[in-house]
C-alpha atoms as a PDB file:
ATOM      1  CA  MET A   1       0.045  -0.209   0.093  1.00  0.00           C
ATOM      2  CA  SER A   2       1.463   3.518  -0.885  1.00  0.00           C
ATOM      3  CA  VAL A   3       0.814   6.584   1.014  1.00  0.00           C
ATOM      4  CA  SER A   4      -1.401   7.682  -2.139  1.00  0.00           C
ATOM      5  CA  ASP A   5      -3.487   4.461  -1.419  1.00  0.00           C
ATOM      6  CA  SER A   6      -4.512   5.560   2.110  1.00  0.00           C
ATOM      7  CA  PRO A   7      -6.295   8.610   1.830  1.00  0.00           C
ATOM      8  CA  THR A   8      -8.270   8.133   5.364  1.00  0.00           C
ATOM      9  CA  PHE A   9      -5.201   7.582   6.957  1.00  0.00           C
ATOM     10  CA  LEU A  10      -3.364  10.005   5.886  1.00  0.00           C
ATOM     11  CA  ASN A  11      -5.864  12.663   6.484  1.00  0.00           C
ATOM     12  CA  ASN A  12      -5.731  11.753  10.370  1.00  0.00           C
ATOM     13  CA  ILE A  13      -2.067  12.828  10.561  1.00  0.00           C
ATOM     14  CA  SER A  14      -1.347  16.142  12.281  1.00  0.00           C
ATOM     15  CA  SER A  15       0.315  18.473  10.246  1.00  0.00           C
ATOM     16  CA  GLN A  16       2.497  19.745  13.532  1.00  0.00           C
ATOM     17  CA  TYR A  17       5.264  17.047  12.258  1.00  0.00           C
ATOM     18  CA  HIS A  18       7.729  15.999   9.643  1.00  0.00           C
ATOM     19  CA  PHE A  19       5.759  13.156   7.939  1.00  0.00           C
ATOM     20  CA  LYS A  20       8.149  10.475   6.704  1.00  0.00           C
ATOM     21  CA  ASP A  21       6.134   7.439   5.414  1.00  0.00           C
ATOM     22  CA  ALA A  22       3.058   5.130   5.968  1.00  0.00           C
ATOM     23  CA  VAL A  23       3.083   1.650   4.513  1.00  0.00           C
ATOM     24  CA  ALA A  24       1.928  -1.540   4.758  1.00  0.00           C
ATOM     25  CA  ARG A  25       4.138  -4.561   5.811  1.00  0.00           C
ATOM     26  CA  SER A  26       3.724  -7.469   6.569  1.00  0.00           C
ATOM     27  CA  HIS A  27      -0.025  -6.944   7.262  1.00  0.00           C
ATOM     28  CA  ALA A  28       0.792  -4.422   9.644  1.00  0.00           C
ATOM     29  CA  LEU A  29       0.166  -0.458   9.199  1.00  0.00           C
ATOM     30  CA  VAL A  30       3.027   0.940   9.857  1.00  0.00           C
ATOM     31  CA  LEU A  31       3.452   5.106  10.167  1.00  0.00           C
ATOM     32  CA  LEU A  32       6.819   6.642  10.376  1.00  0.00           C
ATOM     33  CA  PHE A  33       7.157  10.606  11.667  1.00  0.00           C
ATOM     34  CA  GLY A  34       9.786  12.728  12.441  1.00  0.00           C
ATOM     35  CA  VAL A  35       9.865  15.088  15.165  1.00  0.00           C
ATOM     36  CA  ASN A  36      11.240  18.139  17.450  1.00  0.00           C
ATOM     37  CA  THR A  37      10.315  16.898  20.660  1.00  0.00           C
ATOM     38  CA  ASP A  38      10.511  19.949  22.492  1.00  0.00           C
ATOM     39  CA  GLN A  39       7.459  21.252  21.067  1.00  0.00           C
ATOM     40  CA  ALA A  40       3.792  20.919  22.370  1.00  0.00           C
ATOM     41  CA  PRO A  41       1.668  17.983  22.369  1.00  0.00           C
ATOM     42  CA  PHE A  42      -0.093  17.033  19.058  1.00  0.00           C
ATOM     43  CA  VAL A  43      -2.204  13.892  17.911  1.00  0.00           C
ATOM     44  CA  VAL A  44      -0.088  11.777  15.518  1.00  0.00           C
ATOM     45  CA  HIS A  45      -2.910   9.496  14.323  1.00  0.00           C
ATOM     46  CA  GLU A  46      -6.573   8.509  15.244  1.00  0.00           C
ATOM     47  CA  CYS A  47      -8.935   6.036  14.568  1.00  0.00           C
ATOM     48  CA  GLU A  48     -12.556   4.894  15.710  1.00  0.00           C
ATOM     49  CA  SER A  49     -10.977   2.984  18.415  1.00  0.00           C
ATOM     50  CA  LEU A  50      -7.650   4.915  19.526  1.00  0.00           C
ATOM     51  CA  VAL A  51      -5.870   8.267  19.662  1.00  0.00           C
ATOM     52  CA  PHE A  52      -2.066   7.989  19.580  1.00  0.00           C
ATOM     53  CA  VAL A  53      -0.397  11.128  21.076  1.00  0.00           C
ATOM     54  CA  HIS A  54       3.218  12.735  21.108  1.00  0.00           C
ATOM     55  CA  LYS A  55       4.010  13.990  24.501  1.00  0.00           C
ATOM     56  CA  PRO A  56       6.825  16.553  25.009  1.00  0.00           C
ATOM     57  CA  HIS A  57       9.151  16.526  27.827  1.00  0.00           C
ATOM     58  CA  ASN A  58       8.679  17.536  31.190  1.00  0.00           C
ATOM     59  CA  MET A  59       4.446  17.377  31.088  1.00  0.00           C
ATOM     60  CA  HIS A  60       2.710  14.681  33.028  1.00  0.00           C
ATOM     61  CA  THR A  61       0.826  11.875  31.527  1.00  0.00           C
ATOM     62  CA  ALA A  62      -2.040  11.964  34.051  1.00  0.00           C
ATOM     63  CA  PRO A  63      -3.138  13.393  37.255  1.00  0.00           C
ATOM     64  CA  LEU A  64      -1.041  12.211  40.235  1.00  0.00           C
ATOM     65  CA  SER A  65      -4.786  13.493  41.648  1.00  0.00           C
ATOM     66  CA  ALA A  66      -8.187  14.709  40.829  1.00  0.00           C
ATOM     67  CA  GLU A  67      -7.011  18.342  41.509  1.00  0.00           C
ATOM     68  CA  SER A  68      -3.714  18.372  38.788  1.00  0.00           C
ATOM     69  CA  ALA A  69      -3.885  20.200  35.969  1.00  0.00           C
ATOM     70  CA  GLY A  70      -1.747  20.741  32.974  1.00  0.00           C
ATOM     71  CA  THR A  71      -1.347  16.751  32.207  1.00  0.00           C
ATOM     72  CA  LEU A  72      -1.135  15.175  28.420  1.00  0.00           C
ATOM     73  CA  LEU A  73      -4.492  13.274  29.502  1.00  0.00           C
ATOM     74  CA  GLU A  74      -6.303  16.393  30.495  1.00  0.00           C
ATOM     75  CA  TRP A  75      -5.293  17.953  26.765  1.00  0.00           C
ATOM     76  CA  VAL A  76      -6.389  14.860  24.824  1.00  0.00           C
ATOM     77  CA  VAL A  77      -9.833  14.581  26.509  1.00  0.00           C
ATOM     78  CA  GLU A  78     -10.399  18.314  25.639  1.00  0.00           C
ATOM     79  CA  ARG A  79     -10.328  17.524  22.111  1.00  0.00           C
ATOM     80  CA  PHE A  80     -11.892  13.445  22.741  1.00  0.00           C
ATOM     81  CA  PRO A  81     -14.619  14.564  25.192  1.00  0.00           C
ATOM     82  CA  GLU A  82     -15.691  10.531  24.621  1.00  0.00           C
ATOM     83  CA  ILE A  83     -12.396   9.171  26.590  1.00  0.00           C
ATOM     84  CA  ARG A  84     -13.980  10.610  29.695  1.00  0.00           C
ATOM     85  CA  SER A  85     -16.352   7.225  29.654  1.00  0.00           C
ATOM     86  CA  VAL A  86     -13.370   5.162  29.350  1.00  0.00           C
ATOM     87  CA  THR A  87     -12.491   3.445  32.630  1.00  0.00           C
ATOM     88  CA  GLY A  88      -9.115   3.388  32.860  1.00  0.00           C
ATOM     89  CA  ILE A  89      -6.569   1.621  35.374  1.00  0.00           C
ATOM     90  CA  LYS A  90      -7.050   4.418  37.908  1.00  0.00           C
ATOM     91  CA  SER A  91      -9.998   6.741  38.196  1.00  0.00           C
ATOM     92  CA  VAL A  92      -8.104   9.633  37.214  1.00  0.00           C
ATOM     93  CA  GLU A  93      -6.614   7.918  33.693  1.00  0.00           C
ATOM     94  CA  PRO A  94      -9.408   7.573  31.912  1.00  0.00           C
ATOM     95  CA  GLY A  95      -8.516   5.722  28.673  1.00  0.00           C
ATOM     96  CA  LEU A  96      -5.083   5.698  29.089  1.00  0.00           C
ATOM     97  CA  LEU A  97      -3.317   2.539  28.258  1.00  0.00           C
ATOM     98  CA  HIS A  98      -0.038   3.779  29.252  1.00  0.00           C
ATOM     99  CA  ARG A  99       2.257   5.847  31.233  1.00  0.00           C
ATOM    100  CA  LEU A 100       5.418   7.907  30.371  1.00  0.00           C
ATOM    101  CA  ASP A 101       7.784   9.476  32.789  1.00  0.00           C
ATOM    102  CA  HIS A 102       7.254  13.095  33.215  1.00  0.00           C
ATOM    103  CA  GLY A 103      10.603  13.961  31.740  1.00  0.00           C
ATOM    104  CA  THR A 104       9.674  11.266  28.943  1.00  0.00           C
ATOM    105  CA  ALA A 105       8.940  12.581  25.597  1.00  0.00           C
ATOM    106  CA  GLY A 106       7.129  10.115  22.878  1.00  0.00           C
ATOM    107  CA  ILE A 107       4.027   8.261  21.850  1.00  0.00           C
ATOM    108  CA  VAL A 108       1.353   7.621  24.036  1.00  0.00           C
ATOM    109  CA  VAL A 109      -1.764   5.722  23.210  1.00  0.00           C
ATOM    110  CA  PHE A 110      -5.430   6.481  24.593  1.00  0.00           C
ATOM    111  CA  ALA A 111      -8.533   4.348  24.012  1.00  0.00           C
ATOM    112  CA  ARG A 112     -11.538   5.529  22.929  1.00  0.00           C
ATOM    113  CA  THR A 113     -14.077   3.282  23.761  1.00  0.00           C
ATOM    114  CA  PRO A 114     -14.237   1.227  26.708  1.00  0.00           C
ATOM    115  CA  ALA A 115     -14.092  -2.101  24.199  1.00  0.00           C
ATOM    116  CA  ALA A 116     -10.864  -1.103  22.773  1.00  0.00           C
ATOM    117  CA  PHE A 117      -9.562  -0.245  26.269  1.00  0.00           C
ATOM    118  CA  ASP A 118     -10.127  -3.988  27.205  1.00  0.00           C
ATOM    119  CA  ARG A 119      -8.684  -5.418  24.303  1.00  0.00           C
ATOM    120  CA  VAL A 120      -5.443  -3.460  23.857  1.00  0.00           C
ATOM    121  CA  LYS A 121      -5.016  -3.856  27.844  1.00  0.00           C
ATOM    122  CA  ALA A 122      -5.581  -8.057  27.369  1.00  0.00           C
ATOM    123  CA  ALA A 123      -3.132  -7.818  24.203  1.00  0.00           C
ATOM    124  CA  GLY A 124      -0.418  -6.083  27.003  1.00  0.00           C
ATOM    125  CA  GLU A 125      -1.208  -9.082  29.207  1.00  0.00           C
ATOM    126  CA  ASN A 126      -0.203 -11.189  26.494  1.00  0.00           C
ATOM    127  CA  GLY A 127       2.722  -9.675  25.312  1.00  0.00           C
ATOM    128  CA  ALA A 128       1.386  -8.036  22.060  1.00  0.00           C
ATOM    129  CA  PHE A 129       1.552  -4.242  23.104  1.00  0.00           C
ATOM    130  CA  LEU A 130       4.881  -3.579  22.412  1.00  0.00           C
ATOM    131  CA  LYS A 131       6.848  -0.096  23.156  1.00  0.00           C
ATOM    132  CA  GLU A 132      10.339   0.831  22.513  1.00  0.00           C
ATOM    133  CA  TYR A 133      12.620   3.329  23.483  1.00  0.00           C
ATOM    134  CA  ARG A 134      15.256   5.486  22.232  1.00  0.00           C
ATOM    135  CA  ALA A 135      17.988   6.291  24.987  1.00  0.00           C
ATOM    136  CA  ILE A 136      21.535   8.833  25.406  1.00  0.00           C
ATOM    137  CA  CYS A 137      23.560   7.320  27.960  1.00  0.00           C
ATOM    138  CA  GLU A 138      26.783   8.246  29.486  1.00  0.00           C
ATOM    139  CA  ARG A 139      28.811   5.478  31.136  1.00  0.00           C
ATOM    140  CA  SER A 140      29.339   5.128  34.208  1.00  0.00           C
ATOM    141  CA  HIS A 141      30.729   3.119  37.239  1.00  0.00           C
ATOM    142  CA  GLU A 142      28.493   3.851  40.141  1.00  0.00           C
ATOM    143  CA  PRO A 143      25.958   1.398  41.067  1.00  0.00           C
ATOM    144  CA  VAL A 144      22.430   2.298  41.441  1.00  0.00           C
ATOM    145  CA  PRO A 145      21.256   2.966  44.861  1.00  0.00           C
ATOM    146  CA  GLY A 146      19.146   0.076  46.869  1.00  0.00           C
ATOM    147  CA  THR A 147      20.171  -2.474  44.348  1.00  0.00           C
ATOM    148  CA  ARG A 148      19.620  -5.870  45.971  1.00  0.00           C
ATOM    149  CA  GLY A 149      21.377  -8.975  44.265  1.00  0.00           C
ATOM    150  CA  GLU A 150      22.633  -9.470  40.657  1.00  0.00           C
ATOM    151  CA  ILE A 151      20.817  -8.073  38.430  1.00  0.00           C
ATOM    152  CA  PRO A 152      21.115 -10.941  35.427  1.00  0.00           C
ATOM    153  CA  ILE A 153      21.899  -9.916  31.381  1.00  0.00           C
ATOM    154  CA  ASP A 154      20.359 -12.695  29.501  1.00  0.00           C
ATOM    155  CA  GLY A 155      20.687 -13.878  25.653  1.00  0.00           C
ATOM    156  CA  ARG A 156      24.095 -12.806  24.472  1.00  0.00           C
ATOM    157  CA  GLU A 157      26.313 -15.727  23.334  1.00  0.00           C
ATOM    158  CA  GLY A 158      27.923 -17.654  26.198  1.00  0.00           C
ATOM    159  CA  SER A 159      26.064 -15.876  28.771  1.00  0.00           C
ATOM    160  CA  SER A 160      23.408 -16.909  31.109  1.00  0.00           C
ATOM    161  CA  GLY A 161      22.138 -14.847  33.958  1.00  0.00           C
ATOM    162  CA  GLU A 162      25.538 -12.892  33.775  1.00  0.00           C
ATOM    163  CA  LYS A 163      25.733 -10.040  36.158  1.00  0.00           C
ATOM    164  CA  SER A 164      25.418  -6.464  35.273  1.00  0.00           C
ATOM    165  CA  ASP A 165      28.917  -5.493  35.110  1.00  0.00           C
ATOM    166  CA  ALA A 166      29.136  -8.437  32.537  1.00  0.00           C
ATOM    167  CA  LEU A 167      28.786  -5.422  29.737  1.00  0.00           C
ATOM    168  CA  HIS A 168      32.402  -4.117  28.987  1.00  0.00           C
ATOM    169  CA  LEU A 169      33.569  -1.349  27.042  1.00  0.00           C
ATOM    170  CA  GLY A 170      36.807  -1.667  25.399  1.00  0.00           C
ATOM    171  CA  GLU A 171      38.514  -1.130  22.129  1.00  0.00           C
ATOM    172  CA  ASP A 172      36.343  -3.448  20.074  1.00  0.00           C
ATOM    173  CA  GLY A 173      33.130  -1.757  21.803  1.00  0.00           C
ATOM    174  CA  LEU A 174      30.221  -2.786  23.326  1.00  0.00           C
ATOM    175  CA  ALA A 175      28.962  -6.543  23.502  1.00  0.00           C
ATOM    176  CA  PRO A 176      26.970  -6.575  20.601  1.00  0.00           C
ATOM    177  CA  PRO A 177      22.837  -6.569  21.050  1.00  0.00           C
ATOM    178  CA  PRO A 178      20.369  -7.880  21.400  1.00  0.00           C
ATOM    179  CA  PHE A 179      20.135  -9.290  25.385  1.00  0.00           C
ATOM    180  CA  THR A 180      17.575  -8.496  28.156  1.00  0.00           C
ATOM    181  CA  VAL A 181      18.081  -7.365  31.615  1.00  0.00           C
ATOM    182  CA  SER A 182      15.713  -8.585  33.996  1.00  0.00           C
ATOM    183  CA  SER A 183      14.748  -8.020  37.277  1.00  0.00           C
ATOM    184  CA  ARG A 184      11.982  -6.941  39.720  1.00  0.00           C
ATOM    185  CA  PHE A 185      11.373  -3.715  41.563  1.00  0.00           C
ATOM    186  CA  ARG A 186      10.733  -2.199  44.705  1.00  0.00           C
ATOM    187  CA  ALA A 187      10.465   1.545  45.981  1.00  0.00           C
ATOM    188  CA  TYR A 188      13.376   3.397  47.407  1.00  0.00           C
ATOM    189  CA  GLY A 189      14.496   6.641  49.026  1.00  0.00           C
ATOM    190  CA  PRO A 190      12.229   9.307  50.651  1.00  0.00           C
ATOM    191  CA  GLY A 191       8.702   8.888  50.008  1.00  0.00           C
ATOM    192  CA  GLY A 192       9.432   6.322  47.341  1.00  0.00           C
ATOM    193  CA  ARG A 193      10.593   8.614  44.544  1.00  0.00           C
ATOM    194  CA  ARG A 194      12.804   6.067  43.205  1.00  0.00           C
ATOM    195  CA  VAL A 195      12.958   2.402  42.859  1.00  0.00           C
ATOM    196  CA  ALA A 196      15.586   0.345  43.212  1.00  0.00           C
ATOM    197  CA  PRO A 197      16.277  -3.209  40.772  1.00  0.00           C
ATOM    198  CA  VAL A 198      16.165  -6.636  42.906  1.00  0.00           C
ATOM    199  CA  GLY A 199      17.993  -9.159  41.389  1.00  0.00           C
ATOM    200  CA  LEU A 200      16.000 -12.697  40.664  1.00  0.00           C
ATOM    201  CA  ASP A 201      18.459 -14.080  43.283  1.00  0.00           C
ATOM    202  CA  ALA A 202      17.484 -12.127  45.793  1.00  0.00           C
ATOM    203  CA  PRO A 203      14.627 -12.840  48.591  1.00  0.00           C
ATOM    204  CA  ILE A 204      11.192 -11.286  47.507  1.00  0.00           C
ATOM    205  CA  ARG A 205      10.540  -9.090  50.661  1.00  0.00           C
ATOM    206  CA  ARG A 206       7.264  -6.551  51.451  1.00  0.00           C
ATOM    207  CA  GLY A 207       7.279  -4.160  48.580  1.00  0.00           C
ATOM    208  CA  THR A 208       9.166  -5.713  46.157  1.00  0.00           C
ATOM    209  CA  THR A 209       7.250  -6.953  42.861  1.00  0.00           C
ATOM    210  CA  ARG A 210       6.302 -10.514  42.399  1.00  0.00           C
ATOM    211  CA  THR A 211       6.301  -9.883  38.790  1.00  0.00           C
ATOM    212  CA  VAL A 212       9.728  -9.673  36.636  1.00  0.00           C
ATOM    213  CA  TYR A 213      10.540  -7.036  34.182  1.00  0.00           C
ATOM    214  CA  ARG A 214      12.307  -7.239  31.346  1.00  0.00           C
ATOM    215  CA  THR A 215      13.968  -4.751  29.202  1.00  0.00           C
ATOM    216  CA  ASP A 216      15.296  -5.913  25.489  1.00  0.00           C
ATOM    217  CA  ILE A 217      18.414  -4.236  24.487  1.00  0.00           C
ATOM    218  CA  ILE A 218      18.095  -4.540  20.607  1.00  0.00           C
ATOM    219  CA  ASP A 219      20.620  -1.900  19.506  1.00  0.00           C
ATOM    220  CA  ILE A 220      23.146  -0.018  20.299  1.00  0.00           C
ATOM    221  CA  GLU A 221      25.055   3.140  18.772  1.00  0.00           C
ATOM    222  CA  ARG A 222      28.185   4.706  19.649  1.00  0.00           C
ATOM    223  CA  VAL A 223      28.425   8.216  19.261  1.00  0.00           C
ATOM    224  CA  PRO A 224      31.926  10.201  19.214  1.00  0.00           C
ATOM    225  CA  PRO A 225      32.748  12.484  21.822  1.00  0.00           C
ATOM    226  CA  THR A 226      31.683  16.190  21.012  1.00  0.00           C
ATOM    227  CA  VAL A 227      30.725  19.285  23.087  1.00  0.00           C
ATOM    228  CA  SER A 228      28.292  18.027  26.195  1.00  0.00           C
ATOM    229  CA  HIS A 229      24.886  18.992  27.129  1.00  0.00           C
ATOM    230  CA  GLY A 230      24.268  21.315  29.396  1.00  0.00           C
ATOM    231  CA  ASN A 231      26.408  23.612  31.178  1.00  0.00           C
ATOM    232  CA  THR A 232      29.376  21.127  31.354  1.00  0.00           C
ATOM    233  CA  ALA A 233      32.485  22.078  29.047  1.00  0.00           C
ATOM    234  CA  LYS A 234      34.010  18.617  28.400  1.00  0.00           C
ATOM    235  CA  PRO A 235      33.352  16.561  25.499  1.00  0.00           C
ATOM    236  CA  ARG A 236      32.045  13.448  26.124  1.00  0.00           C
ATOM    237  CA  GLU A 237      31.107  10.214  24.460  1.00  0.00           C
ATOM    238  CA  THR A 238      27.735   8.722  23.922  1.00  0.00           C
ATOM    239  CA  PHE A 239      25.759   5.684  23.515  1.00  0.00           C
ATOM    240  CA  VAL A 240      22.331   5.697  21.975  1.00  0.00           C
ATOM    241  CA  PHE A 241      20.394   2.410  22.931  1.00  0.00           C
ATOM    242  CA  ARG A 242      17.020   1.120  21.271  1.00  0.00           C
ATOM    243  CA  CYS A 243      15.121  -0.672  24.164  1.00  0.00           C
ATOM    244  CA  LYS A 244      11.958  -2.660  23.816  1.00  0.00           C
ATOM    245  CA  LEU A 245       9.458  -4.052  26.585  1.00  0.00           C
ATOM    246  CA  ALA A 246       6.183  -5.616  26.357  1.00  0.00           C
ATOM    247  CA  ARG A 247       5.359  -4.718  30.363  1.00  0.00           C
ATOM    248  CA  GLY A 248       6.440  -1.709  31.809  1.00  0.00           C
ATOM    249  CA  PHE A 249       7.729  -0.736  35.290  1.00  0.00           C
ATOM    250  CA  ARG A 250       7.590   3.076  36.472  1.00  0.00           C
ATOM    251  CA  HIS A 251      10.895   4.089  35.499  1.00  0.00           C
ATOM    252  CA  GLN A 252      12.091   0.618  34.273  1.00  0.00           C
ATOM    253  CA  VAL A 253      14.116   1.517  31.099  1.00  0.00           C
ATOM    254  CA  ARG A 254      16.241   4.412  33.304  1.00  0.00           C
ATOM    255  CA  VAL A 255      17.110   1.668  36.125  1.00  0.00           C
ATOM    256  CA  HIS A 256      17.908  -1.185  33.899  1.00  0.00           C
ATOM    257  CA  LEU A 257      20.339   1.314  32.009  1.00  0.00           C
ATOM    258  CA  ALA A 258      21.621   2.625  34.824  1.00  0.00           C
ATOM    259  CA  ALA A 259      22.181  -1.086  36.523  1.00  0.00           C
ATOM    260  CA  LEU A 260      24.212  -1.552  32.988  1.00  0.00           C
ATOM    261  CA  GLY A 261      26.198   1.223  33.667  1.00  0.00           C
ATOM    262  CA  PHE A 262      24.732   3.080  31.063  1.00  0.00           C
ATOM    263  CA  PRO A 263      22.648   6.331  33.023  1.00  0.00           C
ATOM    264  CA  ILE A 264      20.844   8.591  31.053  1.00  0.00           C
ATOM    265  CA  VAL A 265      21.926  11.717  29.933  1.00  0.00           C
ATOM    266  CA  GLY A 266      19.642  14.256  32.257  1.00  0.00           C
ATOM    267  CA  ASP A 267      18.514  11.415  34.739  1.00  0.00           C
ATOM    268  CA  GLN A 268      19.577  12.928  38.220  1.00  0.00           C
ATOM    269  CA  LEU A 269      17.586  10.466  40.303  1.00  0.00           C
ATOM    270  CA  TYR A 270      19.578   7.646  38.621  1.00  0.00           C
ATOM    271  CA  GLY A 271      23.251   8.476  37.283  1.00  0.00           C
ATOM    272  CA  ALA A 272      23.415  11.741  35.316  1.00  0.00           C
ATOM    273  CA  ALA A 273      26.735  13.889  35.292  1.00  0.00           C
ATOM    274  CA  VAL A 274      26.370  16.437  38.441  1.00  0.00           C
ATOM    275  CA  GLY A 275      25.682  19.836  37.074  1.00  0.00           C
ATOM    276  CA  GLU A 276      23.572  18.333  34.436  1.00  0.00           C
ATOM    277  CA  THR A 277      20.963  20.656  33.108  1.00  0.00           C
ATOM    278  CA  SER A 278      19.937  18.567  29.716  1.00  0.00           C
ATOM    279  CA  PRO A 279      16.183  17.506  29.755  1.00  0.00           C
ATOM    280  CA  LEU A 280      15.398  13.709  30.288  1.00  0.00           C
ATOM    281  CA  ARG A 281      17.478  12.276  26.576  1.00  0.00           C
ATOM    282  CA  LEU A 282      14.506   9.198  26.856  1.00  0.00           C
ATOM    283  CA  TYR A 283      12.171   8.947  23.956  1.00  0.00           C
ATOM    284  CA  ALA A 284       9.105   6.637  23.288  1.00  0.00           C
ATOM    285  CA  VAL A 285       9.806   6.006  19.777  1.00  0.00           C
ATOM    286  CA  ALA A 286       7.438   3.156  19.042  1.00  0.00           C
ATOM    287  CA  VAL A 287       4.490   1.444  19.662  1.00  0.00           C
ATOM    288  CA  THR A 288       2.855  -1.745  17.749  1.00  0.00           C
ATOM    289  CA  LEU A 289      -0.160  -3.234  19.017  1.00  0.00           C
ATOM    290  CA  PRO A 290      -3.176  -4.729  17.197  1.00  0.00           C
ATOM    291  CA  ASP A 291      -6.274  -2.655  16.510  1.00  0.00           C
ATOM    292  CA  PRO A 292      -9.132  -3.445  18.690  1.00  0.00           C
ATOM    293  CA  THR A 293     -11.483  -3.471  16.031  1.00  0.00           C
ATOM    294  CA  THR A 294      -9.807  -4.689  12.963  1.00  0.00           C
ATOM    295  CA  GLY A 295      -7.434  -6.877  14.739  1.00  0.00           C
ATOM    296  CA  THR A 296      -4.713  -5.595  12.118  1.00  0.00           C
ATOM    297  CA  THR A 297      -1.298  -5.039  13.561  1.00  0.00           C
ATOM    298  CA  ILE A 298      -0.569  -1.075  14.163  1.00  0.00           C
ATOM    299  CA  ARG A 299       3.067   0.382  14.450  1.00  0.00           C
ATOM    300  CA  ILE A 300       3.930   4.251  15.202  1.00  0.00           C
ATOM    301  CA  GLU A 301       7.021   4.889  14.932  1.00  0.00           C
ATOM    302  CA  CYS A 302       8.764   8.790  15.207  1.00  0.00           C
ATOM    303  CA  GLU A 303      12.372   9.753  14.291  1.00  0.00           C
ATOM    304  CA  THR A 304      13.578  12.154  16.324  1.00  0.00           C
ATOM    305  CA  ASP A 305      16.132  14.813  15.781  1.00  0.00           C
ATOM    306  CA  ARG A 306      19.573  13.145  15.469  1.00  0.00           C
ATOM    307  CA  THR A 307      21.289  16.333  16.799  1.00  0.00           C
ATOM    308  CA  GLU A 308      19.706  15.014  20.245  1.00  0.00           C
ATOM    309  CA  THR A 309      22.505  12.439  20.421  1.00  0.00           C
ATOM    310  CA  ARG A 310      25.205  15.278  20.566  1.00  0.00           C
END
């Protein structure tokens, strides 16, 4: 299917971003678009059952309480009032199918009907609602505070449950992906503002999730040293990680990358350079899920400004 073959689909594309391509691949409808991640929210695509919205950095996805304002959910409901009637996971989250952290930019999906919400939620429980992230990271040797046990890295040749320091840097570069980082989580620190990874070898204590959460590392790109972000002046080398997950926990990608020794640039909670003033360089760049009406696989993918890696 070419771009000209799908006028209805293309008519739903917002003019606020740079359109790249829309194609049918292996029975999947795929939308690619480029975006400046600093702009306001905008609708990427809508169909009769779902709305895909791009969230900018430093905006809450949903209210923390009934009195909260200025959230992405509020912005969406103003434009799609039918979402108010879709019961969400929490009472203050109608139609919301997943969250992004306050500092993360990227794609968020909302259900427009109760049936769509239930079907996508069930798809997520079956591993069919996938989210992909792009993270710009630095090398660090500091452990994640509160870590218990060893955080296994699986899936690499010769590896089975290796601990997190097994990912070595050297003249030959990073250990090649794909591989998977797995852990349980627990709230950590004052007010539980952070989470800490709990290795699969550690006892499950009160406050520790019983679910094991997995982050698939599907690609790593080394970016040569250049002028750094923020107010620091020393050039530094960064690494662009592409991650995928089916089931997510609060701060999961941030914590798992920090546990590997690669905290995300701008992440003050989990090991960013002291004095860093950059926004959190974490982007929700793709979602893949079944259309709750037709069953066709939908993939929405964005390409962030490549200068963001510098």
